[in-house]
N, C-alpha and C. Protein backbone atom coordinates (compact mmCIF):
# COMPACT_ATOMS: atom_id res chain seq x y z
N MET A 1 113.00 173.72 33.34
CA MET A 1 113.34 172.25 33.02
C MET A 1 114.46 171.51 33.45
N ARG A 2 115.44 172.63 33.20
CA ARG A 2 116.66 171.97 33.78
C ARG A 2 116.93 171.60 35.34
N ARG A 3 116.08 171.91 35.52
CA ARG A 3 115.85 171.87 37.37
C ARG A 3 115.14 170.76 37.72
N ASN A 4 114.15 170.38 36.68
CA ASN A 4 113.48 169.03 37.01
C ASN A 4 114.53 167.94 36.34
N TYR A 5 115.34 168.30 35.66
CA TYR A 5 116.95 167.09 35.42
C TYR A 5 117.52 167.37 36.11
N LEU A 6 117.72 168.38 36.58
CA LEU A 6 118.26 168.27 38.04
C LEU A 6 118.04 167.68 39.13
N ILE A 7 117.25 167.54 39.66
CA ILE A 7 115.84 166.77 40.60
C ILE A 7 116.02 165.54 40.29
N LEU A 8 115.22 165.10 38.98
CA LEU A 8 116.35 163.59 38.66
C LEU A 8 117.60 162.80 38.86
N TYR A 9 118.52 163.86 38.05
CA TYR A 9 119.77 162.93 38.39
C TYR A 9 119.87 163.26 40.14
N ILE A 10 119.73 163.77 40.91
CA ILE A 10 120.39 163.58 41.96
C ILE A 10 119.55 162.47 42.75
N ILE A 11 118.07 162.34 42.50
CA ILE A 11 117.36 161.16 43.13
C ILE A 11 118.03 159.64 42.30
N ALA A 12 118.03 159.75 41.64
CA ALA A 12 119.32 158.91 40.45
C ALA A 12 120.25 158.06 41.22
N LEU A 13 121.08 159.47 41.57
CA LEU A 13 122.36 158.95 42.25
C LEU A 13 122.21 158.25 43.58
N PHE A 14 121.45 159.15 44.48
CA PHE A 14 121.29 158.57 45.61
C PHE A 14 120.61 157.15 45.33
N THR A 15 119.96 156.99 44.59
CA THR A 15 119.07 154.98 44.82
C THR A 15 120.01 154.70 44.30
N LEU A 16 121.07 155.19 43.20
CA LEU A 16 122.25 153.82 42.77
C LEU A 16 123.65 153.57 43.77
N SER A 17 123.74 154.64 44.75
CA SER A 17 124.68 154.60 45.76
C SER A 17 123.84 153.95 46.73
N ALA A 18 122.70 153.77 47.17
CA ALA A 18 122.56 152.84 48.53
C ALA A 18 121.80 151.27 47.77
N CYS A 19 121.91 151.56 46.44
CA CYS A 19 122.12 149.64 45.87
C CYS A 19 123.16 149.31 46.15
N GLN A 20 124.46 149.92 46.13
CA GLN A 20 125.66 149.46 45.86
C GLN A 20 125.82 147.71 46.69
N SER A 21 126.69 146.86 46.20
CA SER A 21 126.78 145.88 47.20
C SER A 21 128.14 145.19 46.82
N LYS A 22 129.09 144.81 47.42
CA LYS A 22 130.35 144.33 47.54
C LYS A 22 129.97 142.83 47.82
N THR A 23 130.82 141.83 47.12
CA THR A 23 130.82 140.66 46.98
C THR A 23 132.16 140.09 47.31
N LEU A 24 132.21 139.31 48.30
CA LEU A 24 133.70 138.47 49.13
C LEU A 24 133.56 137.79 48.81
N ILE A 25 134.61 137.03 48.14
CA ILE A 25 134.48 135.14 47.92
C ILE A 25 135.94 134.33 48.99
N PHE A 26 135.61 133.53 49.77
CA PHE A 26 136.64 132.70 50.73
C PHE A 26 136.41 131.23 50.30
N ASN A 27 137.90 131.00 50.13
CA ASN A 27 137.77 129.17 49.23
C ASN A 27 139.19 128.76 50.36
N GLY A 28 138.85 127.46 50.24
CA GLY A 28 139.92 126.63 50.94
C GLY A 28 139.38 124.91 50.77
N GLU A 29 140.39 124.28 50.98
CA GLU A 29 140.47 123.01 50.93
C GLU A 29 141.10 122.02 51.81
N SER A 30 140.40 120.73 51.97
CA SER A 30 140.77 119.58 53.28
C SER A 30 141.17 118.62 52.13
N GLU A 31 141.32 117.61 52.94
CA GLU A 31 142.01 116.16 52.54
C GLU A 31 141.04 115.76 51.28
N ASN A 32 139.46 115.94 51.64
CA ASN A 32 138.50 115.84 51.20
C ASN A 32 137.23 116.45 50.58
N TRP A 33 137.36 117.60 50.31
CA TRP A 33 136.75 118.46 50.82
C TRP A 33 137.44 119.96 50.15
N SER A 34 136.70 120.51 49.11
CA SER A 34 136.65 122.18 48.32
C SER A 34 135.50 123.13 49.25
N ALA A 35 135.66 123.90 49.71
CA ALA A 35 134.23 124.74 49.98
C ALA A 35 134.67 126.05 49.39
N THR A 36 133.87 127.06 49.21
CA THR A 36 133.34 128.39 48.48
C THR A 36 132.43 128.89 49.56
N VAL A 37 132.39 129.91 50.05
CA VAL A 37 131.79 131.21 50.59
C VAL A 37 131.75 131.77 50.16
N THR A 38 130.18 132.61 49.71
CA THR A 38 130.05 134.00 49.08
C THR A 38 129.27 135.00 49.79
N VAL A 39 129.58 135.98 50.35
CA VAL A 39 129.52 137.05 51.04
C VAL A 39 128.73 138.30 50.05
N THR A 40 127.53 138.35 50.35
CA THR A 40 127.50 139.72 49.79
C THR A 40 126.88 140.62 50.67
N GLN A 41 127.42 141.81 50.80
CA GLN A 41 127.31 143.08 51.67
C GLN A 41 126.76 144.32 51.19
N THR A 42 125.79 144.71 51.63
CA THR A 42 125.12 146.09 50.71
C THR A 42 125.68 146.78 52.58
N GLU A 43 125.15 148.16 52.21
CA GLU A 43 125.33 149.35 53.30
C GLU A 43 125.03 148.61 54.43
N ASP A 44 123.79 147.95 55.05
CA ASP A 44 123.70 147.50 56.18
C ASP A 44 122.98 146.04 56.27
N LYS A 45 123.50 145.02 55.12
CA LYS A 45 122.91 144.25 55.10
C LYS A 45 124.45 142.68 54.90
N GLN A 46 123.62 141.75 54.96
CA GLN A 46 124.93 140.40 54.40
C GLN A 46 124.55 139.63 54.81
N GLU A 47 124.41 138.79 53.17
CA GLU A 47 124.08 137.82 53.62
C GLU A 47 124.79 136.15 52.88
N GLN A 48 125.05 135.14 53.20
CA GLN A 48 126.21 134.30 52.76
C GLN A 48 125.56 133.11 52.36
N GLY A 49 126.23 132.44 51.22
CA GLY A 49 126.21 131.14 50.87
C GLY A 49 127.44 130.55 50.37
N PHE A 50 126.68 129.30 50.19
CA PHE A 50 128.30 128.53 50.19
C PHE A 50 128.24 127.42 49.41
N MET A 51 128.98 127.24 48.63
CA MET A 51 129.55 125.65 47.60
C MET A 51 130.20 125.12 48.43
N LEU A 52 130.02 123.63 48.58
CA LEU A 52 130.67 122.57 49.54
C LEU A 52 130.69 121.06 48.52
N ARG A 53 132.24 121.00 47.87
CA ARG A 53 132.49 119.77 47.00
C ARG A 53 133.68 118.93 47.73
N TYR A 54 132.59 117.44 47.31
CA TYR A 54 133.57 115.91 47.54
C TYR A 54 134.56 116.11 46.61
N LYS A 55 136.13 115.73 47.25
CA LYS A 55 137.16 115.74 46.46
C LYS A 55 137.39 114.45 46.51
N GLY A 56 137.04 113.41 47.28
CA GLY A 56 137.69 112.13 47.59
C GLY A 56 137.69 111.50 46.32
N GLU A 57 138.20 109.93 46.59
CA GLU A 57 138.42 109.10 45.34
C GLU A 57 136.90 108.29 45.07
N ASP A 58 136.28 107.97 46.35
CA ASP A 58 134.87 107.27 46.31
C ASP A 58 133.56 107.86 46.58
N ILE A 59 132.94 109.09 45.27
CA ILE A 59 132.14 109.61 45.55
C ILE A 59 130.84 108.90 45.46
N LYS A 60 131.01 107.31 45.19
CA LYS A 60 129.83 106.82 45.71
C LYS A 60 129.74 106.22 47.49
N SER A 61 130.65 106.17 47.89
CA SER A 61 131.19 106.04 49.32
C SER A 61 129.86 107.20 50.10
N VAL A 62 129.98 108.68 49.92
CA VAL A 62 129.53 109.20 50.52
C VAL A 62 127.89 109.69 49.61
N GLU A 63 127.90 109.73 48.12
CA GLU A 63 126.51 110.12 47.89
C GLU A 63 125.71 109.48 48.05
N GLY A 64 124.54 110.40 48.75
CA GLY A 64 123.66 110.79 49.78
C GLY A 64 123.25 110.49 50.86
N SER A 65 124.44 110.14 51.35
CA SER A 65 125.25 110.70 52.84
C SER A 65 124.52 112.28 53.39
N GLU A 66 124.17 111.86 54.77
CA GLU A 66 123.97 113.71 55.17
C GLU A 66 125.36 114.02 55.20
N ILE A 67 125.31 114.95 55.23
CA ILE A 67 126.66 115.65 54.97
C ILE A 67 126.58 117.17 56.06
N GLY A 68 127.03 116.93 57.75
CA GLY A 68 127.04 118.17 58.48
C GLY A 68 127.89 119.38 57.85
N TYR A 69 127.57 120.23 58.39
CA TYR A 69 128.64 121.42 58.07
C TYR A 69 128.07 122.59 59.17
N LYS A 70 129.10 122.94 59.63
CA LYS A 70 129.10 124.47 60.47
C LYS A 70 130.32 125.57 59.83
N ILE A 71 129.85 126.72 59.78
CA ILE A 71 130.46 128.03 59.43
C ILE A 71 130.84 128.68 60.22
N GLU A 72 132.05 129.17 60.51
CA GLU A 72 132.41 129.93 61.55
C GLU A 72 133.76 131.00 61.21
N ASP A 73 132.69 132.45 61.40
CA ASP A 73 133.80 133.74 61.41
C ASP A 73 133.54 134.53 62.68
N ASN A 74 134.45 135.91 62.32
CA ASN A 74 133.97 136.60 63.50
C ASN A 74 132.61 137.21 63.80
N THR A 75 131.77 137.01 62.93
CA THR A 75 130.20 137.24 63.15
C THR A 75 129.69 136.67 63.77
N GLY A 76 129.73 135.22 63.60
CA GLY A 76 128.79 134.19 64.46
C GLY A 76 128.98 133.10 63.92
N SER A 77 127.91 132.17 63.44
CA SER A 77 128.21 130.92 62.77
C SER A 77 126.89 130.60 62.53
N SER A 78 126.94 129.71 61.39
CA SER A 78 125.78 128.34 61.11
C SER A 78 126.18 127.34 60.80
N SER A 79 125.04 126.62 60.97
CA SER A 79 125.38 124.80 60.82
C SER A 79 123.75 124.87 60.25
N GLY A 80 123.96 123.56 59.44
CA GLY A 80 122.87 122.67 59.03
C GLY A 80 123.40 120.90 58.68
N ALA A 81 122.44 120.84 57.78
CA ALA A 81 123.14 119.27 57.01
C ALA A 81 122.27 118.89 55.93
N GLN A 82 122.58 118.51 55.03
CA GLN A 82 122.15 117.97 53.58
C GLN A 82 122.79 116.54 52.76
N PRO A 83 121.95 116.00 52.45
CA PRO A 83 122.26 114.96 51.52
C PRO A 83 123.39 115.53 50.90
N LEU A 84 124.38 114.62 50.22
CA LEU A 84 125.39 115.16 49.11
C LEU A 84 124.85 115.11 47.69
N LYS A 85 124.61 115.35 46.40
CA LYS A 85 124.17 115.31 45.39
C LYS A 85 124.89 114.57 44.87
N SER A 86 124.60 113.47 43.34
CA SER A 86 125.42 112.78 42.77
C SER A 86 126.74 113.24 42.27
N ASN A 87 126.29 114.82 41.27
CA ASN A 87 127.53 115.24 41.30
C ASN A 87 128.63 115.72 42.32
N GLY A 88 128.95 115.29 43.38
CA GLY A 88 129.89 115.42 44.62
C GLY A 88 129.35 116.57 45.69
N ALA A 89 128.33 117.45 45.21
CA ALA A 89 127.75 119.34 45.69
C ALA A 89 127.01 119.30 46.44
N ILE A 90 127.22 120.21 47.58
CA ILE A 90 126.21 120.94 48.23
C ILE A 90 126.41 121.82 47.83
N GLU A 91 125.13 123.01 47.92
CA GLU A 91 125.20 124.21 47.68
C GLU A 91 123.73 124.75 48.47
N SER A 92 124.30 125.68 48.92
CA SER A 92 123.08 126.75 49.47
C SER A 92 123.07 128.38 49.01
N GLU A 93 122.36 128.65 48.86
CA GLU A 93 122.22 130.39 48.66
C GLU A 93 121.88 130.61 49.44
N GLY A 94 122.12 132.11 50.10
CA GLY A 94 121.34 132.61 51.33
C GLY A 94 121.38 132.26 52.88
N THR A 95 122.32 131.45 53.18
CA THR A 95 121.80 130.19 54.61
C THR A 95 121.80 131.05 55.80
N SER A 96 122.68 131.98 55.33
CA SER A 96 122.39 132.94 56.54
C SER A 96 122.18 134.55 56.26
N ALA A 97 121.46 135.66 56.83
CA ALA A 97 121.67 137.42 56.47
C ALA A 97 121.50 137.72 57.98
N CYS A 98 121.73 138.80 57.67
CA CYS A 98 122.36 139.52 59.13
C CYS A 98 121.51 140.86 58.97
N SER A 99 121.02 141.86 59.81
CA SER A 99 120.85 143.87 59.16
C SER A 99 121.39 144.08 60.75
N GLY A 100 122.39 144.81 60.55
CA GLY A 100 122.65 145.69 61.44
C GLY A 100 123.57 144.74 62.04
N CYS A 101 124.39 143.78 61.75
CA CYS A 101 125.38 142.85 62.20
C CYS A 101 126.74 143.35 61.97
N ALA A 102 127.71 142.72 62.26
CA ALA A 102 129.19 143.05 62.18
C ALA A 102 129.47 142.30 60.64
N PHE A 103 130.46 142.76 60.11
CA PHE A 103 130.64 142.21 58.56
C PHE A 103 131.60 141.60 58.32
N VAL A 104 132.07 140.57 57.48
CA VAL A 104 133.22 140.32 57.56
C VAL A 104 133.94 141.41 56.99
N THR A 105 135.01 140.74 57.03
CA THR A 105 136.02 142.00 55.68
C THR A 105 137.27 140.61 54.95
N GLU A 106 138.03 141.12 54.62
CA GLU A 106 138.92 140.72 53.83
C GLU A 106 139.98 140.05 54.13
N ASP A 107 140.11 140.45 55.31
CA ASP A 107 141.23 140.02 56.41
C ASP A 107 140.71 138.65 57.23
N THR A 108 138.93 138.43 57.24
CA THR A 108 138.62 137.30 57.86
C THR A 108 138.98 136.24 57.44
N GLU A 109 138.93 135.11 59.08
CA GLU A 109 139.38 133.43 58.13
C GLU A 109 137.93 133.18 58.99
N MET A 110 137.61 132.32 58.10
CA MET A 110 136.70 131.32 58.15
C MET A 110 137.08 129.88 58.20
N LYS A 111 136.20 129.09 59.21
CA LYS A 111 136.28 127.90 59.23
C LYS A 111 135.28 127.10 58.70
N PHE A 112 135.38 126.27 58.42
CA PHE A 112 134.12 125.16 57.80
C PHE A 112 134.43 124.02 57.98
N THR A 113 133.91 123.47 59.14
CA THR A 113 133.77 122.06 59.87
C THR A 113 132.89 121.25 58.58
N VAL A 114 133.43 119.89 58.49
CA VAL A 114 131.97 119.04 57.48
C VAL A 114 132.60 117.74 58.59
N GLU A 115 131.00 116.91 58.35
CA GLU A 115 130.88 115.91 59.35
C GLU A 115 130.16 114.61 58.31
N TRP A 116 130.91 113.75 58.21
CA TRP A 116 130.06 112.62 57.32
C TRP A 116 130.64 111.09 57.69
N GLY A 117 129.62 110.42 58.51
CA GLY A 117 129.72 108.85 59.10
C GLY A 117 130.26 109.39 59.91
N ASP A 118 131.64 109.03 60.32
CA ASP A 118 132.52 109.25 61.47
C ASP A 118 133.89 109.67 61.06
N HIS A 119 133.30 110.69 60.22
CA HIS A 119 135.04 111.94 59.68
C HIS A 119 134.42 113.01 59.80
N THR A 120 135.65 113.81 60.11
CA THR A 120 135.66 115.35 60.57
C THR A 120 136.51 115.61 59.68
N GLU A 121 136.32 116.62 58.85
CA GLU A 121 137.53 117.75 58.21
C GLU A 121 136.77 119.35 59.11
N ILE A 122 138.02 119.70 58.64
CA ILE A 122 137.89 121.18 59.20
C ILE A 122 138.70 122.38 57.67
N ILE A 123 137.92 122.87 56.91
CA ILE A 123 138.69 123.74 56.30
C ILE A 123 139.12 125.20 56.55
N LEU A 124 139.82 126.03 56.66
CA LEU A 124 140.40 127.15 56.84
C LEU A 124 139.94 127.70 55.26
N LEU A 125 139.39 128.99 55.56
CA LEU A 125 138.53 129.60 54.11
C LEU A 125 139.55 130.89 54.05
N HIS A 126 139.69 131.39 53.25
CA HIS A 126 140.63 132.61 53.50
C HIS A 126 139.95 133.42 52.20
N ALA A 127 139.67 135.16 52.07
CA ALA A 127 138.94 135.65 50.62
C ALA A 127 140.13 135.70 49.63
N SER A 128 139.85 135.58 48.53
CA SER A 128 140.42 134.90 47.63
C SER A 128 139.83 136.32 46.87
N ASP A 129 140.54 137.09 45.53
CA ASP A 129 140.12 138.12 44.29
C ASP A 129 139.19 137.40 43.49
N LYS A 130 138.69 138.01 42.85
CA LYS A 130 137.57 137.42 42.35
C LYS A 130 138.10 136.98 41.01
């Protein structure tokens, strides 16, 4: 009987250790925007999502506008465009995922480029404590 419990304990231990994940949060601001990129890593996979928020004075001037973005780091880049919501934000979960790729670390600096109308701003993002 003890042997069965020991075997179940070992299986549970391996299962739990295989499912552990690490989350890194990168933040930064420019004149008109603030950005947060959240990176979730497991042993062999990395997923990235972001929140971009307009912090300028005149939200009506950009509300509904198509906002282009590009996120670059030492592992590659992802880009796209979305309309700005009425709350002044664009949010995307799991914008990019890869398996077997290079991972970002706490020392990684990300470059978040935002384009709207004839404006472009670059936000440098650094890892923050949770």
